Amino acid sequence: MNRIIVAAIVLASSAMVPGAVNNRTAGVDDGDSSGPRQVIHLIERAHDVSFLDLGAPGPSLGDRLVFTSDLFDENGNNVGRDGADCVIVRIDQTAPPTQQQTVQCVVTVQLAGGQMTFQGLAQGTENFFALTGGTGAYRNARGEAFVRDEIPLQVADITITLFR
């Protein structure tokens, strides 16, 4: 039962975990940004995952999913790591099983150039998160991350778009 709970929460939260690094700069205007974009593509492979069942048995408000992952580029090179804390903030029993829980996640991605933090609500296997801050090369970055869960609890594909 706990494995099913964790799987459902990870489906909802994996959108925050990046994986392979492929930096591309394109002079594309998204209508919201006046400068070029930098795209970082990451493949996330889970390192450690813990589900904290804090309320009633099974998924309930306030339960937490805490995880850390290794991040890889498209060539399989380890380029960083991440860490996340996700809290169940809504349960909708009428939704499909993979979308019943909504989690609020805060994720920090650490790469050679610095760190970036992302946060947002996640539900299901594909989610967007807002870039909320950064250090080093990412100190002045603005942007978002799109996360697609490839293998629940194991692998996610992440695309970070930075607006420079």
Protein backbone atom coordinates (compact mmCIF):
# COMPACT_ATOMS: atom_id res chain seq x y z
CA MET A 1 0.00 0.00 0.00
CA ASN A 2 2.78 2.47 0.90
CA ARG A 3 4.49 1.74 -2.45
CA ILE A 4 1.27 2.65 -4.27
CA ILE A 5 0.98 5.84 -2.23
CA VAL A 6 4.57 6.80 -2.94
CA ALA A 7 4.14 6.02 -6.65
CA ALA A 8 1.09 8.25 -6.85
CA ILE A 9 2.84 11.12 -5.09
CA VAL A 10 5.97 10.77 -7.18
CA LEU A 11 3.87 10.86 -10.30
CA ALA A 12 2.57 14.17 -9.05
CA SER A 13 5.90 15.58 -7.96
CA SER A 14 8.47 14.25 -10.39
CA ALA A 15 8.01 17.21 -12.59
CA MET A 16 10.54 19.01 -10.52
CA VAL A 17 13.46 16.74 -10.98
CA PRO A 18 15.89 17.52 -13.83
CA GLY A 19 18.12 15.06 -15.77
CA ALA A 20 20.44 15.56 -18.82
CA VAL A 21 22.23 18.80 -19.59
CA ASN A 22 22.10 20.22 -23.08
CA ASN A 23 22.58 23.98 -23.11
CA ARG A 24 21.24 25.68 -26.21
CA THR A 25 20.81 29.40 -26.66
CA ALA A 26 18.14 30.48 -29.08
CA GLY A 27 17.12 34.03 -29.87
CA VAL A 28 13.46 33.20 -29.39
CA ASP A 29 11.06 35.67 -27.84
CA ASP A 30 8.34 34.01 -25.78
CA GLY A 31 6.26 37.17 -25.66
CA ASP A 32 7.07 37.52 -21.98
CA SER A 33 10.82 37.86 -22.32
CA SER A 34 12.80 40.31 -24.41
CA GLY A 35 16.00 38.27 -24.55
CA PRO A 36 17.28 34.91 -25.66
CA ARG A 37 16.49 31.64 -23.96
CA GLN A 38 18.85 29.05 -22.56
CA VAL A 39 17.50 25.51 -22.43
CA ILE A 40 18.95 22.92 -20.07
CA HIS A 41 17.78 19.36 -20.63
CA LEU A 42 18.31 16.92 -17.74
CA ILE A 43 17.59 13.27 -17.09
CA GLU A 44 16.83 12.62 -13.43
CA ARG A 45 17.48 9.24 -11.84
CA ALA A 46 16.19 8.81 -8.30
CA HIS A 47 18.83 8.29 -5.63
CA ASP A 48 16.70 8.19 -2.48
CA VAL A 49 12.95 8.63 -1.88
CA SER A 50 11.04 8.80 1.40
CA PHE A 51 7.29 9.12 1.94
CA LEU A 52 6.20 10.45 5.33
CA ASP A 53 2.64 9.35 6.14
CA LEU A 54 1.85 11.99 8.76
CA GLY A 55 -1.93 11.94 9.03
CA ALA A 56 -4.51 9.25 8.52
CA PRO A 57 -3.08 6.06 6.99
CA GLY A 58 -2.68 6.48 3.23
CA PRO A 59 -2.49 9.76 1.32
CA SER A 60 -3.82 12.70 3.32
CA LEU A 61 -3.23 16.43 3.58
CA GLY A 62 0.19 17.22 4.98
CA ASP A 63 1.87 13.93 3.99
CA ARG A 64 5.32 14.55 2.54
CA LEU A 65 7.49 13.14 -0.19
CA VAL A 66 11.19 13.96 0.16
CA PHE A 67 13.65 12.87 -2.49
CA THR A 68 17.07 13.40 -4.00
CA SER A 69 18.19 12.45 -7.49
CA ASP A 70 21.28 12.41 -9.66
CA LEU A 71 21.12 14.49 -12.84
CA PHE A 72 22.58 13.42 -16.17
CA ASP A 73 23.13 14.97 -19.59
CA GLU A 74 22.02 13.37 -22.84
CA ASN A 75 25.37 11.50 -23.05
CA GLY A 76 24.86 9.90 -19.64
CA ASN A 77 27.36 12.13 -17.82
CA ASN A 78 26.50 12.96 -14.21
CA VAL A 79 26.16 16.76 -14.18
CA GLY A 80 24.52 17.46 -10.83
CA ARG A 81 21.93 16.55 -8.27
CA ASP A 82 18.66 17.79 -6.86
CA GLY A 83 16.62 17.65 -3.71
CA ALA A 84 12.90 18.17 -3.19
CA ASP A 85 10.25 18.40 -0.52
CA CYS A 86 6.65 17.92 -1.66
CA VAL A 87 3.55 18.17 0.53
CA ILE A 88 0.08 16.86 -0.34
CA VAL A 89 -2.18 19.92 -0.45
CA ARG A 90 -5.27 18.45 -2.12
CA ILE A 91 -6.89 15.07 -2.65
CA ASP A 92 -9.59 14.58 -5.27
CA GLN A 93 -11.09 11.08 -5.06
CA THR A 94 -13.09 11.69 -8.26
CA ALA A 95 -9.95 12.19 -10.39
CA PRO A 96 -8.13 9.33 -12.16
CA PRO A 97 -5.79 7.45 -9.76
CA THR A 98 -2.60 9.10 -11.06
CA GLN A 99 -4.10 12.57 -10.57
CA GLN A 100 -5.89 12.27 -7.22
CA GLN A 101 -3.16 13.99 -5.22
CA THR A 102 -1.92 17.51 -5.77
CA VAL A 103 1.39 18.33 -4.16
CA GLN A 104 3.21 21.61 -3.53
CA CYS A 105 6.90 21.04 -4.30
CA VAL A 106 10.06 23.00 -3.66
CA VAL A 107 13.05 21.66 -5.62
CA THR A 108 16.69 22.73 -5.70
CA VAL A 109 18.83 21.76 -8.68
CA GLN A 110 22.61 21.89 -8.24
CA LEU A 111 24.77 22.05 -11.39
CA ALA A 112 28.42 23.05 -11.90
CA GLY A 113 27.50 26.71 -12.49
CA GLY A 114 25.34 27.12 -9.39
CA GLN A 115 21.93 26.26 -8.02
CA MET A 116 18.34 26.95 -9.07
CA THR A 117 15.18 26.59 -7.01
CA PHE A 118 11.77 25.79 -8.46
CA GLN A 119 8.34 25.46 -6.93
CA GLY A 120 4.76 24.85 -7.87
CA LEU A 121 1.77 22.56 -7.74
CA ALA A 122 2.13 19.15 -9.34
CA GLN A 123 -0.49 16.61 -10.35
CA GLY A 124 -0.04 13.68 -12.70
CA THR A 125 3.01 12.91 -14.86
CA GLU A 126 3.67 16.25 -16.62
CA ASN A 127 4.08 19.54 -14.77
CA PHE A 128 5.53 23.06 -15.04
CA PHE A 129 7.33 24.75 -12.15
CA ALA A 130 8.43 28.36 -11.72
CA LEU A 131 12.09 29.28 -11.24
CA THR A 132 12.11 31.15 -7.93
CA GLY A 133 15.81 31.88 -7.45
CA GLY A 134 19.36 30.93 -8.21
CA THR A 135 23.02 31.26 -7.35
CA GLY A 136 26.21 31.61 -9.38
CA ALA A 137 25.54 31.47 -13.12
CA TYR A 138 21.79 31.34 -12.35
CA ARG A 139 21.72 34.31 -9.96
CA ASN A 140 19.69 36.56 -12.30
CA ALA A 141 17.86 33.86 -14.22
CA ARG A 142 14.13 33.76 -14.74
CA GLY A 143 12.30 30.81 -16.16
CA GLU A 144 10.50 27.54 -15.66
CA ALA A 145 10.98 23.79 -15.61
CA PHE A 146 8.85 21.23 -17.42
CA VAL A 147 9.05 17.75 -15.93
CA ARG A 148 7.78 14.55 -17.49
CA ASP A 149 7.82 11.38 -15.42
CA GLU A 150 9.22 8.58 -17.59
CA ILE A 151 9.33 5.77 -15.01
CA PRO A 152 7.50 6.56 -11.75
CA LEU A 153 9.85 6.75 -8.75
CA GLN A 154 12.87 6.24 -11.00
CA VAL A 155 13.38 8.45 -14.06
CA ALA A 156 12.13 11.87 -15.17
CA ASP A 157 12.89 14.04 -18.18
CA ILE A 158 13.32 17.73 -17.31
CA THR A 159 13.57 20.76 -19.54
CA ILE A 160 14.58 24.00 -17.83
CA THR A 161 14.02 27.14 -19.89
CA LEU A 162 15.90 30.22 -18.67
CA PHE A 163 14.94 33.64 -19.97
CA ARG A 164 18.04 35.82 -20.04
